[in-house]
C-alpha atoms as a PDB file:
ATOM      1  CA  UNK A   1     -14.847 -11.653 -28.639  1.00  0.00           C
ATOM      2  CA  UNK A   2     -17.014 -13.165 -25.908  1.00  0.00           C
ATOM      3  CA  UNK A   3     -20.604 -13.793 -26.975  1.00  0.00           C
ATOM      4  CA  UNK A   4     -23.891 -13.865 -25.059  1.00  0.00           C
ATOM      5  CA  UNK A   5     -26.680 -15.739 -26.848  1.00  0.00           C
ATOM      6  CA  UNK A   6     -30.275 -15.187 -25.688  1.00  0.00           C
ATOM      7  CA  UNK A   7     -32.761 -17.849 -26.787  1.00  0.00           C
ATOM      8  CA  UNK A   8     -36.345 -16.638 -27.053  1.00  0.00           C
ATOM      9  CA  UNK A   9     -39.401 -16.448 -29.275  1.00  0.00           C
ATOM     10  CA  UNK A  10     -41.652 -13.719 -30.635  1.00  0.00           C
ATOM     11  CA  UNK A  11     -44.500 -13.073 -28.144  1.00  0.00           C
ATOM     12  CA  UNK A  12     -47.513 -14.138 -30.204  1.00  0.00           C
ATOM     13  CA  UNK A  13     -50.457 -14.854 -27.858  1.00  0.00           C
ATOM     14  CA  UNK A  14     -51.335 -18.522 -27.776  1.00  0.00           C
ATOM     15  CA  UNK A  15     -47.890 -19.731 -28.848  1.00  0.00           C
ATOM     16  CA  UNK A  16     -45.720 -18.567 -25.980  1.00  0.00           C
ATOM     17  CA  UNK A  17     -45.722 -19.548 -22.300  1.00  0.00           C
ATOM     18  CA  UNK A  18     -48.458 -22.045 -23.112  1.00  0.00           C
ATOM     19  CA  UNK A  19     -48.218 -23.789 -19.735  1.00  0.00           C
ATOM     20  CA  UNK A  20     -49.180 -20.480 -18.106  1.00  0.00           C
ATOM     21  CA  UNK A  21     -52.210 -19.879 -20.317  1.00  0.00           C
ATOM     22  CA  UNK A  22     -54.639 -21.698 -17.954  1.00  0.00           C
ATOM     23  CA  UNK A  23     -53.625 -19.260 -15.201  1.00  0.00           C
ATOM     24  CA  UNK A  24     -52.988 -16.039 -17.144  1.00  0.00           C
ATOM     25  CA  UNK A  25     -54.835 -16.437 -20.424  1.00  0.00           C
ATOM     26  CA  UNK A  26     -53.145 -16.264 -23.818  1.00  0.00           C
ATOM     27  CA  UNK A  27     -52.708 -12.477 -23.732  1.00  0.00           C
ATOM     28  CA  UNK A  28     -51.466 -12.486 -20.142  1.00  0.00           C
ATOM     29  CA  UNK A  29     -48.940 -15.241 -20.798  1.00  0.00           C
ATOM     30  CA  UNK A  30     -47.645 -13.392 -23.868  1.00  0.00           C
ATOM     31  CA  UNK A  31     -47.411 -10.143 -21.909  1.00  0.00           C
ATOM     32  CA  UNK A  32     -45.419 -11.831 -19.165  1.00  0.00           C
ATOM     33  CA  UNK A  33     -43.126 -13.415 -21.751  1.00  0.00           C
ATOM     34  CA  UNK A  34     -42.617 -10.044 -23.441  1.00  0.00           C
ATOM     35  CA  UNK A  35     -41.659  -8.441 -20.135  1.00  0.00           C
ATOM     36  CA  UNK A  36     -39.233 -11.235 -19.240  1.00  0.00           C
ATOM     37  CA  UNK A  37     -37.533 -11.048 -22.644  1.00  0.00           C
ATOM     38  CA  UNK A  38     -37.200  -7.271 -22.475  1.00  0.00           C
ATOM     39  CA  UNK A  39     -35.735  -7.524 -18.994  1.00  0.00           C
ATOM     40  CA  UNK A  40     -33.210 -10.126 -20.129  1.00  0.00           C
ATOM     41  CA  UNK A  41     -32.216  -8.034 -23.154  1.00  0.00           C
ATOM     42  CA  UNK A  42     -31.732  -5.065 -20.823  1.00  0.00           C
ATOM     43  CA  UNK A  43     -29.289  -7.119 -18.736  1.00  0.00           C
ATOM     44  CA  UNK A  44     -27.529  -8.204 -21.939  1.00  0.00           C
ATOM     45  CA  UNK A  45     -27.109  -4.607 -23.048  1.00  0.00           C
ATOM     46  CA  UNK A  46     -25.744  -3.683 -19.641  1.00  0.00           C
ATOM     47  CA  UNK A  47     -23.218  -6.515 -19.896  1.00  0.00           C
ATOM     48  CA  UNK A  48     -22.272  -5.401 -23.412  1.00  0.00           C
ATOM     49  CA  UNK A  49     -21.769  -1.793 -22.349  1.00  0.00           C
ATOM     50  CA  UNK A  50     -19.658  -2.776 -19.345  1.00  0.00           C
ATOM     51  CA  UNK A  51     -17.502  -5.524 -20.819  1.00  0.00           C
ATOM     52  CA  UNK A  52     -17.782  -5.381 -24.618  1.00  0.00           C
ATOM     53  CA  UNK A  53     -19.636  -8.684 -24.947  1.00  0.00           C
ATOM     54  CA  UNK A  54     -21.392  -9.335 -28.254  1.00  0.00           C
ATOM     55  CA  UNK A  55     -25.124 -10.034 -27.815  1.00  0.00           C
ATOM     56  CA  UNK A  56     -27.036 -12.358 -30.145  1.00  0.00           C
ATOM     57  CA  UNK A  57     -30.779 -12.992 -29.965  1.00  0.00           C
ATOM     58  CA  UNK A  58     -31.608 -16.461 -31.278  1.00  0.00           C
ATOM     59  CA  UNK A  59     -35.351 -16.445 -31.925  1.00  0.00           C
ATOM     60  CA  UNK A  60     -38.292 -18.444 -33.236  1.00  0.00           C
ATOM     61  CA  UNK A  61     -41.862 -17.516 -34.117  1.00  0.00           C
ATOM     62  CA  UNK A  62     -41.124 -14.213 -35.848  1.00  0.00           C
ATOM     63  CA  UNK A  63     -38.969 -12.462 -38.432  1.00  0.00           C
ATOM     64  CA  UNK A  64     -35.794 -10.444 -38.052  1.00  0.00           C
ATOM     65  CA  UNK A  65     -37.782  -7.305 -38.845  1.00  0.00           C
ATOM     66  CA  UNK A  66     -40.360  -8.063 -36.150  1.00  0.00           C
ATOM     67  CA  UNK A  67     -37.635  -8.756 -33.592  1.00  0.00           C
ATOM     68  CA  UNK A  68     -35.833  -5.510 -34.455  1.00  0.00           C
ATOM     69  CA  UNK A  69     -39.040  -3.498 -34.177  1.00  0.00           C
ATOM     70  CA  UNK A  70     -39.670  -5.087 -30.777  1.00  0.00           C
ATOM     71  CA  UNK A  71     -36.226  -5.200 -29.174  1.00  0.00           C
ATOM     72  CA  UNK A  72     -34.197  -2.707 -31.228  1.00  0.00           C
ATOM     73  CA  UNK A  73     -31.738  -2.831 -34.097  1.00  0.00           C
ATOM     74  CA  UNK A  74     -28.581  -2.611 -31.960  1.00  0.00           C
ATOM     75  CA  UNK A  75     -28.515  -6.382 -31.394  1.00  0.00           C
ATOM     76  CA  UNK A  76     -27.667  -9.278 -33.692  1.00  0.00           C
ATOM     77  CA  UNK A  77     -30.532 -11.624 -34.595  1.00  0.00           C
ATOM     78  CA  UNK A  78     -30.705 -15.068 -36.104  1.00  0.00           C
ATOM     79  CA  UNK A  79     -33.448 -17.660 -36.382  1.00  0.00           C
ATOM     80  CA  UNK A  80     -33.178 -20.775 -34.253  1.00  0.00           C
ATOM     81  CA  UNK A  81     -32.145 -23.943 -36.030  1.00  0.00           C
ATOM     82  CA  UNK A  82     -34.407 -26.957 -36.365  1.00  0.00           C
ATOM     83  CA  UNK A  83     -34.345 -29.871 -33.948  1.00  0.00           C
ATOM     84  CA  UNK A  84     -34.567 -30.322 -30.188  1.00  0.00           C
ATOM     85  CA  UNK A  85     -33.016 -27.986 -27.664  1.00  0.00           C
ATOM     86  CA  UNK A  86     -29.702 -29.817 -27.784  1.00  0.00           C
ATOM     87  CA  UNK A  87     -29.552 -29.484 -31.577  1.00  0.00           C
ATOM     88  CA  UNK A  88     -30.239 -25.751 -31.338  1.00  0.00           C
ATOM     89  CA  UNK A  89     -27.672 -25.123 -28.595  1.00  0.00           C
ATOM     90  CA  UNK A  90     -25.058 -27.201 -30.374  1.00  0.00           C
ATOM     91  CA  UNK A  91     -25.738 -25.434 -33.680  1.00  0.00           C
ATOM     92  CA  UNK A  92     -25.223 -22.018 -32.116  1.00  0.00           C
ATOM     93  CA  UNK A  93     -21.911 -23.078 -30.605  1.00  0.00           C
ATOM     94  CA  UNK A  94     -20.764 -24.586 -33.885  1.00  0.00           C
ATOM     95  CA  UNK A  95     -21.494 -21.308 -35.670  1.00  0.00           C
ATOM     96  CA  UNK A  96     -19.960 -19.114 -32.974  1.00  0.00           C
ATOM     97  CA  UNK A  97     -16.746 -21.084 -32.846  1.00  0.00           C
ATOM     98  CA  UNK A  98     -16.701 -21.453 -36.632  1.00  0.00           C
ATOM     99  CA  UNK A  99     -16.190 -25.177 -36.439  1.00  0.00           C
ATOM    100  CA  UNK A 100     -16.191 -27.033 -39.732  1.00  0.00           C
ATOM    101  CA  UNK A 101     -17.971 -30.279 -38.913  1.00  0.00           C
ATOM    102  CA  UNK A 102     -16.500 -31.960 -42.007  1.00  0.00           C
ATOM    103  CA  UNK A 103     -12.964 -31.554 -40.676  1.00  0.00           C
ATOM    104  CA  UNK A 104     -11.522 -34.170 -38.386  1.00  0.00           C
ATOM    105  CA  UNK A 105      -9.400 -31.515 -36.689  1.00  0.00           C
ATOM    106  CA  UNK A 106     -11.832 -28.998 -35.182  1.00  0.00           C
ATOM    107  CA  UNK A 107     -10.639 -25.463 -34.531  1.00  0.00           C
ATOM    108  CA  UNK A 108     -12.029 -22.379 -32.847  1.00  0.00           C
ATOM    109  CA  UNK A 109     -11.340 -19.064 -34.554  1.00  0.00           C
ATOM    110  CA  UNK A 110     -14.095 -16.708 -33.439  1.00  0.00           C
ATOM    111  CA  UNK A 111     -15.524 -16.410 -29.931  1.00  0.00           C
ATOM    112  CA  UNK A 112     -13.311 -16.733 -26.863  1.00  0.00           C
ATOM    113  CA  UNK A 113     -16.274 -17.909 -24.773  1.00  0.00           C
ATOM    114  CA  UNK A 114     -19.994 -18.318 -25.392  1.00  0.00           C
ATOM    115  CA  UNK A 115     -22.681 -18.113 -22.714  1.00  0.00           C
ATOM    116  CA  UNK A 116     -26.229 -19.131 -23.651  1.00  0.00           C
ATOM    117  CA  UNK A 117     -29.375 -18.314 -21.685  1.00  0.00           C
ATOM    118  CA  UNK A 118     -33.133 -18.448 -22.093  1.00  0.00           C
ATOM    119  CA  UNK A 119     -35.609 -15.849 -20.891  1.00  0.00           C
ATOM    120  CA  UNK A 120     -37.548 -17.913 -18.327  1.00  0.00           C
ATOM    121  CA  UNK A 121     -35.324 -17.025 -15.357  1.00  0.00           C
ATOM    122  CA  UNK A 122     -35.822 -13.441 -14.111  1.00  0.00           C
ATOM    123  CA  UNK A 123     -32.940 -13.937 -11.677  1.00  0.00           C
ATOM    124  CA  UNK A 124     -30.284 -13.637 -14.395  1.00  0.00           C
ATOM    125  CA  UNK A 125     -28.452 -10.329 -14.166  1.00  0.00           C
ATOM    126  CA  UNK A 126     -25.522  -8.638 -15.876  1.00  0.00           C
ATOM    127  CA  UNK A 127     -23.431  -9.318 -12.769  1.00  0.00           C
ATOM    128  CA  UNK A 128     -24.155 -13.048 -12.900  1.00  0.00           C
ATOM    129  CA  UNK A 129     -23.413 -13.122 -16.626  1.00  0.00           C
ATOM    130  CA  UNK A 130     -20.127 -11.323 -16.092  1.00  0.00           C
ATOM    131  CA  UNK A 131     -19.165 -13.857 -13.414  1.00  0.00           C
ATOM    132  CA  UNK A 132     -19.949 -16.635 -15.871  1.00  0.00           C
ATOM    133  CA  UNK A 133     -17.510 -15.242 -18.420  1.00  0.00           C
ATOM    134  CA  UNK A 134     -14.897 -14.767 -15.709  1.00  0.00           C
ATOM    135  CA  UNK A 135     -15.247 -18.434 -14.719  1.00  0.00           C
ATOM    136  CA  UNK A 136     -14.626 -19.471 -18.315  1.00  0.00           C
ATOM    137  CA  UNK A 137     -11.126 -18.052 -18.100  1.00  0.00           C
ATOM    138  CA  UNK A 138     -10.186 -20.930 -15.808  1.00  0.00           C
ATOM    139  CA  UNK A 139     -12.698 -23.740 -16.509  1.00  0.00           C
ATOM    140  CA  UNK A 140     -14.202 -25.223 -19.644  1.00  0.00           C
ATOM    141  CA  UNK A 141     -17.870 -25.234 -18.657  1.00  0.00           C
ATOM    142  CA  UNK A 142     -20.059 -22.964 -16.547  1.00  0.00           C
ATOM    143  CA  UNK A 143     -23.644 -23.983 -15.840  1.00  0.00           C
ATOM    144  CA  UNK A 144     -26.528 -22.494 -13.863  1.00  0.00           C
ATOM    145  CA  UNK A 145     -28.794 -25.157 -12.369  1.00  0.00           C
ATOM    146  CA  UNK A 146     -32.515 -24.417 -12.342  1.00  0.00           C
ATOM    147  CA  UNK A 147     -34.618 -25.535  -9.402  1.00  0.00           C
ATOM    148  CA  UNK A 148     -36.624 -27.848 -11.679  1.00  0.00           C
ATOM    149  CA  UNK A 149     -33.576 -29.953 -12.578  1.00  0.00           C
ATOM    150  CA  UNK A 150     -32.712 -28.217 -15.835  1.00  0.00           C
ATOM    151  CA  UNK A 151     -30.356 -25.302 -16.306  1.00  0.00           C
ATOM    152  CA  UNK A 152     -30.919 -21.617 -16.963  1.00  0.00           C
ATOM    153  CA  UNK A 153     -27.415 -20.897 -18.306  1.00  0.00           C
ATOM    154  CA  UNK A 154     -24.644 -22.827 -20.003  1.00  0.00           C
ATOM    155  CA  UNK A 155     -21.324 -21.445 -21.175  1.00  0.00           C
ATOM    156  CA  UNK A 156     -18.219 -22.947 -22.753  1.00  0.00           C
ATOM    157  CA  UNK A 157     -14.857 -21.802 -24.067  1.00  0.00           C
ATOM    158  CA  UNK A 158     -14.767 -24.302 -26.952  1.00  0.00           C
ATOM    159  CA  UNK A 159     -17.067 -26.496 -29.023  1.00  0.00           C
ATOM    160  CA  UNK A 160     -18.156 -29.523 -26.963  1.00  0.00           C
ATOM    161  CA  UNK A 161     -21.058 -31.195 -28.824  1.00  0.00           C
ATOM    162  CA  UNK A 162     -20.991 -34.155 -26.403  1.00  0.00           C
ATOM    163  CA  UNK A 163     -22.604 -31.936 -23.748  1.00  0.00           C
ATOM    164  CA  UNK A 164     -25.865 -31.972 -25.720  1.00  0.00           C
ATOM    165  CA  UNK A 165     -25.980 -35.588 -26.881  1.00  0.00           C
ATOM    166  CA  UNK A 166     -28.348 -38.107 -25.300  1.00  0.00           C
ATOM    167  CA  UNK A 167     -29.865 -35.607 -22.845  1.00  0.00           C
ATOM    168  CA  UNK A 168     -33.436 -36.225 -21.633  1.00  0.00           C
ATOM    169  CA  UNK A 169     -34.675 -32.741 -22.517  1.00  0.00           C
ATOM    170  CA  UNK A 170     -37.639 -31.218 -20.632  1.00  0.00           C
ATOM    171  CA  UNK A 171     -36.976 -33.462 -17.653  1.00  0.00           C
ATOM    172  CA  UNK A 172     -35.591 -32.996 -14.153  1.00  0.00           C
ATOM    173  CA  UNK A 173     -32.433 -34.867 -15.206  1.00  0.00           C
ATOM    174  CA  UNK A 174     -31.066 -32.316 -17.675  1.00  0.00           C
ATOM    175  CA  UNK A 175     -28.573 -30.686 -15.313  1.00  0.00           C
ATOM    176  CA  UNK A 176     -27.198 -33.940 -13.893  1.00  0.00           C
ATOM    177  CA  UNK A 177     -26.965 -35.622 -17.283  1.00  0.00           C
ATOM    178  CA  UNK A 178     -25.057 -32.603 -18.621  1.00  0.00           C
ATOM    179  CA  UNK A 179     -22.608 -32.781 -15.721  1.00  0.00           C
ATOM    180  CA  UNK A 180     -22.206 -36.504 -16.375  1.00  0.00           C
ATOM    181  CA  UNK A 181     -21.301 -35.722 -19.999  1.00  0.00           C
ATOM    182  CA  UNK A 182     -18.820 -33.074 -18.883  1.00  0.00           C
ATOM    183  CA  UNK A 183     -17.092 -35.403 -16.450  1.00  0.00           C
ATOM    184  CA  UNK A 184     -17.078 -38.145 -19.060  1.00  0.00           C
ATOM    185  CA  UNK A 185     -15.083 -35.764 -21.276  1.00  0.00           C
ATOM    186  CA  UNK A 186     -12.841 -34.713 -18.358  1.00  0.00           C
ATOM    187  CA  UNK A 187     -14.039 -31.118 -18.628  1.00  0.00           C
ATOM    188  CA  UNK A 188     -13.553 -28.762 -15.696  1.00  0.00           C
ATOM    189  CA  UNK A 189     -16.783 -27.055 -14.661  1.00  0.00           C
ATOM    190  CA  UNK A 190     -18.351 -24.509 -12.339  1.00  0.00           C
ATOM    191  CA  UNK A 191     -21.954 -24.531 -11.113  1.00  0.00           C
ATOM    192  CA  UNK A 192     -23.583 -21.182 -10.356  1.00  0.00           C
ATOM    193  CA  UNK A 193     -26.243 -20.685  -7.709  1.00  0.00           C
ATOM    194  CA  UNK A 194     -29.562 -22.491  -8.323  1.00  0.00           C
ATOM    195  CA  UNK A 195     -32.390 -20.227  -9.552  1.00  0.00           C
ATOM    196  CA  UNK A 196     -36.043 -20.754 -10.472  1.00  0.00           C
ATOM    197  CA  UNK A 197     -37.533 -20.695 -13.961  1.00  0.00           C
ATOM    198  CA  UNK A 198     -41.028 -19.330 -14.571  1.00  0.00           C
ATOM    199  CA  UNK A 199     -42.712 -22.139 -16.488  1.00  0.00           C
ATOM    200  CA  UNK A 200     -45.827 -23.167 -14.563  1.00  0.00           C
ATOM    201  CA  UNK A 201     -48.503 -21.379 -12.494  1.00  0.00           C
ATOM    202  CA  UNK A 202     -46.832 -22.417  -9.234  1.00  0.00           C
ATOM    203  CA  UNK A 203     -43.636 -20.684 -10.388  1.00  0.00           C
ATOM    204  CA  UNK A 204     -45.331 -17.270 -10.455  1.00  0.00           C
ATOM    205  CA  UNK A 205     -44.493 -16.797  -6.778  1.00  0.00           C
ATOM    206  CA  UNK A 206     -40.833 -16.396  -7.817  1.00  0.00           C
ATOM    207  CA  UNK A 207     -41.519 -13.271  -9.868  1.00  0.00           C
ATOM    208  CA  UNK A 208     -39.926 -10.052  -8.576  1.00  0.00           C
ATOM    209  CA  UNK A 209     -42.203  -7.316  -7.332  1.00  0.00           C
ATOM    210  CA  UNK A 210     -41.984  -5.117 -10.433  1.00  0.00           C
ATOM    211  CA  UNK A 211     -43.495  -7.622 -12.863  1.00  0.00           C
ATOM    212  CA  UNK A 212     -46.371  -6.312 -15.004  1.00  0.00           C
ATOM    213  CA  UNK A 213     -50.004  -6.624 -13.954  1.00  0.00           C
ATOM    214  CA  UNK A 214     -50.889  -9.507 -16.265  1.00  0.00           C
ATOM    215  CA  UNK A 215     -53.064 -11.366 -13.761  1.00  0.00           C
ATOM    216  CA  UNK A 216     -56.701 -10.408 -13.986  1.00  0.00           C
ATOM    217  CA  UNK A 217     -58.374  -9.949 -10.571  1.00  0.00           C
ATOM    218  CA  UNK A 218     -61.882 -11.163  -9.959  1.00  0.00           C
ATOM    219  CA  UNK A 219     -64.478  -8.382  -9.747  1.00  0.00           C
ATOM    220  CA  UNK A 220     -65.124  -7.691  -6.061  1.00  0.00           C
ATOM    221  CA  UNK A 221     -68.546  -8.919  -4.977  1.00  0.00           C
ATOM    222  CA  UNK A 222     -68.170  -9.250  -1.233  1.00  0.00           C
ATOM    223  CA  UNK A 223     -65.349  -8.457   1.145  1.00  0.00           C
ATOM    224  CA  UNK A 224     -62.973 -11.397   1.320  1.00  0.00           C
ATOM    225  CA  UNK A 225     -62.910 -13.348   4.534  1.00  0.00           C
ATOM    226  CA  UNK A 226     -59.594 -14.814   5.683  1.00  0.00           C
ATOM    227  CA  UNK A 227     -59.585 -18.601   5.615  1.00  0.00           C
ATOM    228  CA  UNK A 228     -57.105 -20.997   7.201  1.00  0.00           C
ATOM    229  CA  UNK A 229     -54.328 -22.136   4.884  1.00  0.00           C
ATOM    230  CA  UNK A 230     -52.593 -25.510   5.164  1.00  0.00           C
ATOM    231  CA  UNK A 231     -49.437 -24.009   6.612  1.00  0.00           C
ATOM    232  CA  UNK A 232     -51.326 -22.669   9.603  1.00  0.00           C
ATOM    233  CA  UNK A 233     -51.123 -18.972   8.622  1.00  0.00           C
ATOM    234  CA  UNK A 234     -54.446 -17.238   8.065  1.00  0.00           C
ATOM    235  CA  UNK A 235     -54.578 -14.887   5.112  1.00  0.00           C
ATOM    236  CA  UNK A 236     -57.124 -13.860   2.426  1.00  0.00           C
ATOM    237  CA  UNK A 237     -57.497 -16.051  -0.632  1.00  0.00           C
ATOM    238  CA  UNK A 238     -55.729 -14.838  -3.737  1.00  0.00           C
ATOM    239  CA  UNK A 239     -57.981 -12.748  -5.964  1.00  0.00           C
ATOM    240  CA  UNK A 240     -56.469 -14.245  -9.109  1.00  0.00           C
ATOM    241  CA  UNK A 241     -58.831 -16.064 -11.448  1.00  0.00           C
ATOM    242  CA  UNK A 242     -58.191 -19.793 -11.299  1.00  0.00           C
ATOM    243  CA  UNK A 243     -55.371 -19.563  -8.779  1.00  0.00           C
ATOM    244  CA  UNK A 244     -54.997 -19.753  -5.045  1.00  0.00           C
ATOM    245  CA  UNK A 245     -51.456 -18.485  -4.683  1.00  0.00           C
ATOM    246  CA  UNK A 246     -49.543 -16.573  -2.028  1.00  0.00           C
ATOM    247  CA  UNK A 247     -49.165 -12.859  -2.657  1.00  0.00           C
ATOM    248  CA  UNK A 248     -47.158 -12.423  -5.848  1.00  0.00           C
ATOM    249  CA  UNK A 249     -44.239 -10.052  -5.965  1.00  0.00           C
ATOM    250  CA  UNK A 250     -43.037 -10.837  -2.469  1.00  0.00           C
ATOM    251  CA  UNK A 251     -39.565 -11.496  -3.844  1.00  0.00           C
ATOM    252  CA  UNK A 252     -37.803  -8.319  -4.855  1.00  0.00           C
ATOM    253  CA  UNK A 253     -34.228  -7.124  -5.092  1.00  0.00           C
ATOM    254  CA  UNK A 254     -33.752  -7.285  -1.367  1.00  0.00           C
ATOM    255  CA  UNK A 255     -35.676 -10.473  -0.652  1.00  0.00           C
ATOM    256  CA  UNK A 256     -34.259 -13.186  -2.906  1.00  0.00           C
ATOM    257  CA  UNK A 257     -33.411 -16.280  -0.888  1.00  0.00           C
ATOM    258  CA  UNK A 258     -29.798 -16.478   0.187  1.00  0.00           C
ATOM    259  CA  UNK A 259     -28.384 -19.131  -2.108  1.00  0.00           C
ATOM    260  CA  UNK A 260     -25.098 -20.978  -1.722  1.00  0.00           C
ATOM    261  CA  UNK A 261     -22.107 -19.829  -3.737  1.00  0.00           C
ATOM    262  CA  UNK A 262     -19.907 -22.309  -5.585  1.00  0.00           C
ATOM    263  CA  UNK A 263     -16.466 -23.137  -4.228  1.00  0.00           C
ATOM    264  CA  UNK A 264     -13.753 -25.238  -5.834  1.00  0.00           C
ATOM    265  CA  UNK A 265     -13.751 -28.911  -5.019  1.00  0.00           C
ATOM    266  CA  UNK A 266     -10.579 -31.012  -5.351  1.00  0.00           C
ATOM    267  CA  UNK A 267     -11.003 -33.301  -8.317  1.00  0.00           C
ATOM    268  CA  UNK A 268     -13.820 -32.350 -10.659  1.00  0.00           C
ATOM    269  CA  UNK A 269     -16.267 -29.477 -10.823  1.00  0.00           C
ATOM    270  CA  UNK A 270     -17.532 -27.454  -7.897  1.00  0.00           C
ATOM    271  CA  UNK A 271     -19.754 -28.002  -4.914  1.00  0.00           C
ATOM    272  CA  UNK A 272     -21.938 -25.459  -3.169  1.00  0.00           C
ATOM    273  CA  UNK A 273     -20.872 -23.831   0.067  1.00  0.00           C
ATOM    274  CA  UNK A 274     -23.153 -22.243   2.617  1.00  0.00           C
ATOM    275  CA  UNK A 275     -23.156 -18.415   2.463  1.00  0.00           C
ATOM    276  CA  UNK A 276     -21.366 -16.603   5.241  1.00  0.00           C
ATOM    277  CA  UNK A 277     -23.935 -13.896   5.818  1.00  0.00           C
ATOM    278  CA  UNK A 278     -26.756 -12.087   4.087  1.00  0.00           C
ATOM    279  CA  UNK A 279     -24.743  -8.893   3.788  1.00  0.00           C
ATOM    280  CA  UNK A 280     -21.805 -10.492   2.004  1.00  0.00           C
ATOM    281  CA  UNK A 281     -23.410 -13.359   0.073  1.00  0.00           C
ATOM    282  CA  UNK A 282     -26.865 -12.179  -0.943  1.00  0.00           C
ATOM    283  CA  UNK A 283     -25.620 -10.546  -4.116  1.00  0.00           C
ATOM    284  CA  UNK A 284     -27.494 -12.576  -6.712  1.00  0.00           C
ATOM    285  CA  UNK A 285     -30.154 -11.473  -9.126  1.00  0.00           C
ATOM    286  CA  UNK A 286     -32.414  -8.684  -8.042  1.00  0.00           C
ATOM    287  CA  UNK A 287     -30.373  -7.917  -5.101  1.00  0.00           C
ATOM    288  CA  UNK A 288     -28.710 -12.019  -9.980  1.00  0.00           C
END
């Protein structure tokens, strides 16, 4: 059976989305995280109901009981393993494919394909996840590059621990280093459309319009006066404490940027092709 693994953590204020705490506060950052996780689980359930994919939630910072009370008891839960991100990803794949590391001849007897995602990318949808599993019928690796140089999704159809070895985690080189490992192992691969993660205050502009009201507005004292902005467009300052951001929520299901779709490249992997038109190519999240 194909397996979707969602990596996340229990939304305890002060321990989650810590890089957003200066902008949102501990409670606001935890609320945003909670909403993003619930949205991702909703897409996972939709994928499961459509295509029979098994959904695992791989968590930290809570107990199985707390996760079930929060997200429901119709999903499978397991605590994240120790180590860096590569260790945790590799451990999940080893378990899903039931690989005995002590054997010199490794075998896969469980999942047909495994796709792993986090919960920082609100652009991931059931449709994108389904496409990822479809790609894995013909290639060995599918990967979704994040705009910050990492990746928001990685999927394989076998156990390839080399993909997670020697990676400079939490850097803008994660995606490229992973592709280098894949090509070094002669793996065929597909890259999905690039999407943004929500990790830092400047990333909040990528949130879709239906995100929760976690930002606390300043109490109105005087009417705001429009001031010139660097780009030359005059508009009121943001009323968000500690931030001077463009209007949040401007990106919704019909306004995601038109991103290039992958097309096959002779040799190794894929390259991105320019979309033909908005009506035929703008089918990604919240349109992913």
